[in-house]
Structures are given as C-alpha cells and as structure tokens.
PDB file of all heavy atoms in Angstrom:
ATOM      1  N   GLY A   1      12.567 181.400  99.062  1.00  0.00           N
ATOM      2  CA  GLY A   1      12.246 182.561  98.256  1.00  0.00           C
ATOM      3  C   GLY A   1      10.882 183.116  98.586  1.00  0.00           C
ATOM      4  O   GLY A   1      10.248 182.706  99.564  1.00  0.00           O
ATOM      5  N   LEU A   2      10.448 184.054  97.766  1.00  0.00           N
ATOM      6  CA  LEU A   2       9.135 184.689  97.920  1.00  0.00           C
ATOM      7  C   LEU A   2       8.204 184.143  96.848  1.00  0.00           C
ATOM      8  O   LEU A   2       8.521 184.202  95.655  1.00  0.00           O
ATOM      9  CB  LEU A   2       9.272 186.205  97.787  1.00  0.00           C
ATOM     10  CG  LEU A   2       7.974 187.010  97.761  1.00  0.00           C
ATOM     11  CD1 LEU A   2       7.232 186.852  99.084  1.00  0.00           C
ATOM     12  CD2 LEU A   2       8.257 188.478  97.465  1.00  0.00           C
ATOM     13  N   VAL A   3       7.069 183.598  97.297  1.00  0.00           N
ATOM     14  CA  VAL A   3       6.081 183.062  96.373  1.00  0.00           C
ATOM     15  C   VAL A   3       4.690 183.530  96.792  1.00  0.00           C
ATOM     16  O   VAL A   3       4.477 183.906  97.943  1.00  0.00           O
ATOM     17  CB  VAL A   3       6.118 181.521  96.314  1.00  0.00           C
ATOM     18  CG1 VAL A   3       7.435 181.033  95.775  1.00  0.00           C
ATOM     19  CG2 VAL A   3       5.806 180.922  97.675  1.00  0.00           C
ATOM     20  N   GLN A   4       3.784 183.471  95.869  1.00  0.00           N
ATOM     21  CA  GLN A   4       2.390 183.775  96.182  1.00  0.00           C
ATOM     22  C   GLN A   4       1.725 182.545  96.778  1.00  0.00           C
ATOM     23  O   GLN A   4       2.155 181.405  96.541  1.00  0.00           O
ATOM     24  CB  GLN A   4       1.646 184.208  94.933  1.00  0.00           C
ATOM     25  CG  GLN A   4       2.069 185.560  94.404  1.00  0.00           C
ATOM     26  CD  GLN A   4       1.212 186.022  93.239  1.00  0.00           C
ATOM     27  OE1 GLN A   4       0.667 185.219  92.485  1.00  0.00           O
ATOM     28  NE2 GLN A   4       1.089 187.338  93.094  1.00  0.00           N
ATOM     29  N   ALA A   5       0.688 182.779  97.539  1.00  0.00           N
ATOM     30  CA  ALA A   5      -0.081 181.668  98.089  1.00  0.00           C
ATOM     31  C   ALA A   5      -0.538 180.750  96.961  1.00  0.00           C
ATOM     32  O   ALA A   5      -0.958 181.218  95.896  1.00  0.00           O
ATOM     33  CB  ALA A   5      -1.287 182.198  98.858  1.00  0.00           C
ATOM     34  N   GLY A   6      -0.408 179.445  97.218  1.00  0.00           N
ATOM     35  CA  GLY A   6      -0.737 178.462  96.204  1.00  0.00           C
ATOM     36  C   GLY A   6       0.455 177.997  95.395  1.00  0.00           C
ATOM     37  O   GLY A   6       0.357 177.014  94.652  1.00  0.00           O
ATOM     38  N   GLY A   7       1.548 178.703  95.524  1.00  0.00           N
ATOM     39  CA  GLY A   7       2.752 178.347  94.786  1.00  0.00           C
ATOM     40  C   GLY A   7       3.522 177.213  95.434  1.00  0.00           C
ATOM     41  O   GLY A   7       3.106 176.641  96.454  1.00  0.00           O
ATOM     42  N   SER A   8       4.663 176.891  94.828  1.00  0.00           N
ATOM     43  CA  SER A   8       5.491 175.768  95.289  1.00  0.00           C
ATOM     44  C   SER A   8       6.941 176.189  95.415  1.00  0.00           C
ATOM     45  O   SER A   8       7.398 177.103  94.722  1.00  0.00           O
ATOM     46  CB  SER A   8       5.393 174.601  94.296  1.00  0.00           C
ATOM     47  OG  SER A   8       4.073 174.112  94.200  1.00  0.00           O
ATOM     48  N   LEU A   9       7.634 175.506  96.302  1.00  0.00           N
ATOM     49  CA  LEU A   9       9.076 175.650  96.447  1.00  0.00           C
ATOM     50  C   LEU A   9       9.672 174.293  96.750  1.00  0.00           C
ATOM     51  O   LEU A   9       9.029 173.444  97.388  1.00  0.00           O
ATOM     52  CB  LEU A   9       9.424 176.608  97.578  1.00  0.00           C
ATOM     53  CG  LEU A   9       9.260 178.104  97.342  1.00  0.00           C
ATOM     54  CD1 LEU A   9       9.514 178.874  98.636  1.00  0.00           C
ATOM     55  CD2 LEU A   9      10.205 178.605  96.257  1.00  0.00           C
ATOM     56  N   ARG A  10      10.902 174.106  96.338  1.00  0.00           N
ATOM     57  CA  ARG A  10      11.651 172.896  96.686  1.00  0.00           C
ATOM     58  C   ARG A  10      12.909 173.316  97.416  1.00  0.00           C
ATOM     59  O   ARG A  10      13.794 173.941  96.821  1.00  0.00           O
ATOM     60  CB  ARG A  10      12.019 172.097  95.449  1.00  0.00           C
ATOM     61  CG  ARG A  10      12.639 170.742  95.749  1.00  0.00           C
ATOM     62  CD  ARG A  10      13.300 170.162  94.524  1.00  0.00           C
ATOM     63  NE  ARG A  10      13.578 168.741  94.662  1.00  0.00           N
ATOM     64  CZ  ARG A  10      14.496 168.104  93.928  1.00  0.00           C
ATOM     65  NH1 ARG A  10      15.196 168.767  93.035  1.00  0.00           N
ATOM     66  NH2 ARG A  10      14.682 166.817  94.104  1.00  0.00           N
ATOM     67  N   LEU A  11      12.966 172.995  98.675  1.00  0.00           N
ATOM     68  CA  LEU A  11      14.137 173.294  99.477  1.00  0.00           C
ATOM     69  C   LEU A  11      15.117 172.137  99.385  1.00  0.00           C
ATOM     70  O   LEU A  11      14.722 170.969  99.322  1.00  0.00           O
ATOM     71  CB  LEU A  11      13.757 173.531 100.937  1.00  0.00           C
ATOM     72  CG  LEU A  11      12.659 174.573 101.204  1.00  0.00           C
ATOM     73  CD1 LEU A  11      12.480 174.766 102.717  1.00  0.00           C
ATOM     74  CD2 LEU A  11      12.951 175.879 100.511  1.00  0.00           C
ATOM     75  N   SER A  12      16.404 172.467  99.415  1.00  0.00           N
ATOM     76  CA  SER A  12      17.457 171.459  99.418  1.00  0.00           C
ATOM     77  C   SER A  12      18.369 171.696 100.595  1.00  0.00           C
ATOM     78  O   SER A  12      18.551 172.832 101.040  1.00  0.00           O
ATOM     79  CB  SER A  12      18.275 171.533  98.122  1.00  0.00           C
ATOM     80  OG  SER A  12      17.481 171.300  96.994  1.00  0.00           O
ATOM     81  N   CYS A  13      18.957 170.625 101.071  1.00  0.00           N
ATOM     82  CA  CYS A  13      19.932 170.707 102.157  1.00  0.00           C
ATOM     83  C   CYS A  13      21.066 169.750 101.826  1.00  0.00           C
ATOM     84  O   CYS A  13      20.870 168.535 101.822  1.00  0.00           O
ATOM     85  CB  CYS A  13      19.279 170.351 103.476  1.00  0.00           C
ATOM     86  SG  CYS A  13      20.431 170.225 104.859  1.00  0.00           S
ATOM     87  N   ALA A  14      22.223 170.312 101.554  1.00  0.00           N
ATOM     88  CA  ALA A  14      23.400 169.508 101.248  1.00  0.00           C
ATOM     89  C   ALA A  14      24.244 169.362 102.508  1.00  0.00           C
ATOM     90  O   ALA A  14      24.576 170.360 103.160  1.00  0.00           O
ATOM     91  CB  ALA A  14      24.208 170.172 100.147  1.00  0.00           C
ATOM     92  N   ALA A  15      24.594 168.136 102.833  1.00  0.00           N
ATOM     93  CA  ALA A  15      25.328 167.848 104.065  1.00  0.00           C
ATOM     94  C   ALA A  15      26.700 167.286 103.752  1.00  0.00           C
ATOM     95  O   ALA A  15      26.898 166.602 102.742  1.00  0.00           O
ATOM     96  CB  ALA A  15      24.546 166.867 104.919  1.00  0.00           C
ATOM     97  N   SER A  16      27.641 167.572 104.635  1.00  0.00           N
ATOM     98  CA  SER A  16      28.977 166.991 104.502  1.00  0.00           C
ATOM     99  C   SER A  16      28.999 165.657 105.231  1.00  0.00           C
ATOM    100  O   SER A  16      28.060 165.291 105.936  1.00  0.00           O
ATOM    101  CB  SER A  16      30.022 167.942 105.078  1.00  0.00           C
ATOM    102  OG  SER A  16      29.831 168.071 106.479  1.00  0.00           O
ATOM    103  N   GLY A  17      30.110 164.946 105.061  1.00  0.00           N
ATOM    104  CA  GLY A  17      30.261 163.696 105.793  1.00  0.00           C
ATOM    105  C   GLY A  17      30.175 162.485 104.906  1.00  0.00           C
ATOM    106  O   GLY A  17      29.443 162.471 103.913  1.00  0.00           O
ATOM    107  N   ARG A  18      30.927 161.463 105.287  1.00  0.00           N
ATOM    108  CA  ARG A  18      30.997 160.241 104.493  1.00  0.00           C
ATOM    109  C   ARG A  18      29.883 159.260 104.824  1.00  0.00           C
ATOM    110  O   ARG A  18      29.691 158.283 104.105  1.00  0.00           O
ATOM    111  CB  ARG A  18      32.345 159.556 104.727  1.00  0.00           C
ATOM    112  CG  ARG A  18      33.541 160.384 104.329  1.00  0.00           C
ATOM    113  CD  ARG A  18      34.840 159.635 104.623  1.00  0.00           C
ATOM    114  NE  ARG A  18      36.009 160.428 104.281  1.00  0.00           N
ATOM    115  CZ  ARG A  18      37.250 160.021 104.469  1.00  0.00           C
ATOM    116  NH1 ARG A  18      37.472 158.819 104.971  1.00  0.00           N
ATOM    117  NH2 ARG A  18      38.266 160.805 104.156  1.00  0.00           N
ATOM    118  N   THR A  19      29.200 159.524 105.925  1.00  0.00           N
ATOM    119  CA  THR A  19      28.191 158.574 106.382  1.00  0.00           C
ATOM    120  C   THR A  19      26.805 159.186 106.382  1.00  0.00           C
ATOM    121  O   THR A  19      25.995 158.920 107.280  1.00  0.00           O
ATOM    122  CB  THR A  19      28.545 158.058 107.787  1.00  0.00           C
ATOM    123  OG1 THR A  19      28.656 159.179 108.686  1.00  0.00           O
ATOM    124  CG2 THR A  19      29.834 157.270 107.765  1.00  0.00           C
ATOM    125  N   PHE A  20      26.520 160.005 105.378  1.00  0.00           N
ATOM    126  CA  PHE A  20      25.211 160.657 105.295  1.00  0.00           C
ATOM    127  C   PHE A  20      24.095 159.638 105.332  1.00  0.00           C
ATOM    128  O   PHE A  20      23.014 159.906 105.855  1.00  0.00           O
ATOM    129  CB  PHE A  20      25.139 161.485 104.013  1.00  0.00           C
ATOM    130  CG  PHE A  20      23.826 162.173 103.801  1.00  0.00           C
ATOM    131  CD1 PHE A  20      23.512 163.339 104.495  1.00  0.00           C
ATOM    132  CD2 PHE A  20      22.896 161.674 102.901  1.00  0.00           C
ATOM    133  CE1 PHE A  20      22.298 163.983 104.296  1.00  0.00           C
ATOM    134  CE2 PHE A  20      21.680 162.304 102.693  1.00  0.00           C
ATOM    135  CZ  PHE A  20      21.381 163.470 103.393  1.00  0.00           C
ATOM    136  N   ASN A  21      24.342 158.440 104.804  1.00  0.00           N
ATOM    137  CA  ASN A  21      23.290 157.441 104.752  1.00  0.00           C
ATOM    138  C   ASN A  21      22.945 156.856 106.118  1.00  0.00           C
ATOM    139  O   ASN A  21      22.065 156.006 106.218  1.00  0.00           O
ATOM    140  CB  ASN A  21      23.652 156.325 103.769  1.00  0.00           C
ATOM    141  CG  ASN A  21      24.912 155.600 104.168  1.00  0.00           C
ATOM    142  OD1 ASN A  21      25.598 155.985 105.109  1.00  0.00           O
ATOM    143  ND2 ASN A  21      25.226 154.538 103.461  1.00  0.00           N
ATOM    144  N   THR A  22      23.623 157.305 107.164  1.00  0.00           N
ATOM    145  CA  THR A  22      23.267 156.899 108.531  1.00  0.00           C
ATOM    146  C   THR A  22      22.584 158.027 109.293  1.00  0.00           C
ATOM    147  O   THR A  22      22.200 157.843 110.440  1.00  0.00           O
ATOM    148  CB  THR A  22      24.493 156.456 109.347  1.00  0.00           C
ATOM    149  OG1 THR A  22      25.327 157.612 109.588  1.00  0.00           O
ATOM    150  CG2 THR A  22      25.297 155.391 108.604  1.00  0.00           C
ATOM    151  N   TYR A  23      22.410 159.193 108.658  1.00  0.00           N
ATOM    152  CA  TYR A  23      21.814 160.331 109.347  1.00  0.00           C
ATOM    153  C   TYR A  23      20.305 160.326 109.202  1.00  0.00           C
ATOM    154  O   TYR A  23      19.787 160.273 108.079  1.00  0.00           O
ATOM    155  CB  TYR A  23      22.296 161.667 108.776  1.00  0.00           C
ATOM    156  CG  TYR A  23      23.784 161.918 108.716  1.00  0.00           C
ATOM    157  CD1 TYR A  23      24.276 162.972 107.953  1.00  0.00           C
ATOM    158  CD2 TYR A  23      24.691 161.128 109.403  1.00  0.00           C
ATOM    159  CE1 TYR A  23      25.630 163.237 107.877  1.00  0.00           C
ATOM    160  CE2 TYR A  23      26.051 161.387 109.331  1.00  0.00           C
ATOM    161  CZ  TYR A  23      26.517 162.436 108.560  1.00  0.00           C
ATOM    162  OH  TYR A  23      27.858 162.691 108.492  1.00  0.00           O
ATOM    163  N   ALA A  24      19.592 160.486 110.284  1.00  0.00           N
ATOM    164  CA  ALA A  24      18.200 160.887 110.187  1.00  0.00           C
ATOM    165  C   ALA A  24      18.193 162.385 109.892  1.00  0.00           C
ATOM    166  O   ALA A  24      19.018 163.130 110.436  1.00  0.00           O
ATOM    167  CB  ALA A  24      17.461 160.609 111.490  1.00  0.00           C
ATOM    168  N   MET A  25      17.281 162.823 109.044  1.00  0.00           N
ATOM    169  CA  MET A  25      17.257 164.227 108.645  1.00  0.00           C
ATOM    170  C   MET A  25      15.876 164.828 108.918  1.00  0.00           C
ATOM    171  O   MET A  25      14.854 164.172 108.718  1.00  0.00           O
ATOM    172  CB  MET A  25      17.581 164.366 107.167  1.00  0.00           C
ATOM    173  CG  MET A  25      18.967 163.873 106.777  1.00  0.00           C
ATOM    174  SD  MET A  25      20.300 164.832 107.524  1.00  0.00           S
ATOM    175  CE  MET A  25      20.041 166.429 106.743  1.00  0.00           C
ATOM    176  N   GLY A  26      15.901 166.081 109.345  1.00  0.00           N
ATOM    177  CA  GLY A  26      14.637 166.754 109.611  1.00  0.00           C
ATOM    178  C   GLY A  26      14.634 168.173 109.069  1.00  0.00           C
ATOM    179  O   GLY A  26      15.680 168.762 108.825  1.00  0.00           O
ATOM    180  N   TRP A  27      13.427 168.687 108.867  1.00  0.00           N
ATOM    181  CA  TRP A  27      13.235 170.095 108.535  1.00  0.00           C
ATOM    182  C   TRP A  27      12.400 170.729 109.642  1.00  0.00           C
ATOM    183  O   TRP A  27      11.364 170.183 110.064  1.00  0.00           O
ATOM    184  CB  TRP A  27      12.494 170.248 107.207  1.00  0.00           C
ATOM    185  CG  TRP A  27      13.321 169.988 105.986  1.00  0.00           C
ATOM    186  CD1 TRP A  27      13.403 168.824 105.276  1.00  0.00           C
ATOM    187  CD2 TRP A  27      14.181 170.916 105.326  1.00  0.00           C
ATOM    188  NE1 TRP A  27      14.267 168.967 104.225  1.00  0.00           N
ATOM    189  CE2 TRP A  27      14.752 170.254 104.214  1.00  0.00           C
ATOM    190  CE3 TRP A  27      14.529 172.257 105.540  1.00  0.00           C
ATOM    191  CZ2 TRP A  27      15.646 170.873 103.338  1.00  0.00           C
ATOM    192  CZ3 TRP A  27      15.409 172.882 104.681  1.00  0.00           C
ATOM    193  CH2 TRP A  27      15.961 172.189 103.587  1.00  0.00           C
ATOM    194  N   PHE A  28      12.864 171.862 110.100  1.00  0.00           N
ATOM    195  CA  PHE A  28      12.169 172.651 111.107  1.00  0.00           C
ATOM    196  C   PHE A  28      12.054 174.078 110.597  1.00  0.00           C
ATOM    197  O   PHE A  28      12.811 174.494 109.728  1.00  0.00           O
ATOM    198  CB  PHE A  28      12.932 172.634 112.436  1.00  0.00           C
ATOM    199  CG  PHE A  28      12.961 171.285 113.112  1.00  0.00           C
ATOM    200  CD1 PHE A  28      13.833 170.302 112.684  1.00  0.00           C
ATOM    201  CD2 PHE A  28      12.117 171.011 114.172  1.00  0.00           C
ATOM    202  CE1 PHE A  28      13.863 169.048 113.295  1.00  0.00           C
ATOM    203  CE2 PHE A  28      12.137 169.773 114.804  1.00  0.00           C
ATOM    204  CZ  PHE A  28      13.008 168.795 114.360  1.00  0.00           C
ATOM    205  N   ARG A  29      11.123 174.817 111.162  1.00  0.00           N
ATOM    206  CA  ARG A  29      10.979 176.219 110.758  1.00  0.00           C
ATOM    207  C   ARG A  29      10.788 177.094 111.985  1.00  0.00           C
ATOM    208  O   ARG A  29      10.359 176.619 113.044  1.00  0.00           O
ATOM    209  CB  ARG A  29       9.819 176.390 109.791  1.00  0.00           C
ATOM    210  CG  ARG A  29       8.455 176.084 110.364  1.00  0.00           C
ATOM    211  CD  ARG A  29       7.405 176.068 109.244  1.00  0.00           C
ATOM    212  NE  ARG A  29       6.049 175.854 109.758  1.00  0.00           N
ATOM    213  CZ  ARG A  29       4.989 175.641 108.986  1.00  0.00           C
ATOM    214  NH1 ARG A  29       5.115 175.606 107.654  1.00  0.00           N
ATOM    215  NH2 ARG A  29       3.802 175.466 109.541  1.00  0.00           N
TER     216      ARG A  29
END
C-alpha cells in the first residue's frame, strides 16, 4: 500500500503445497 515515511506495513505471502514446511522463503523487491 501507500504509507508515509516512518510508517509500517506487514506483507503476507500465502503459498500452496503440502510441504510448505520444507520451503526456504525469501522476499525480494
């Protein structure tokens, strides 16, 4: 979203798959 400097955001990423607990996960921009 759009926020002012100093603000906060919480991004989420929901993944499919039965073995999510074996995935390494990363965030890139």
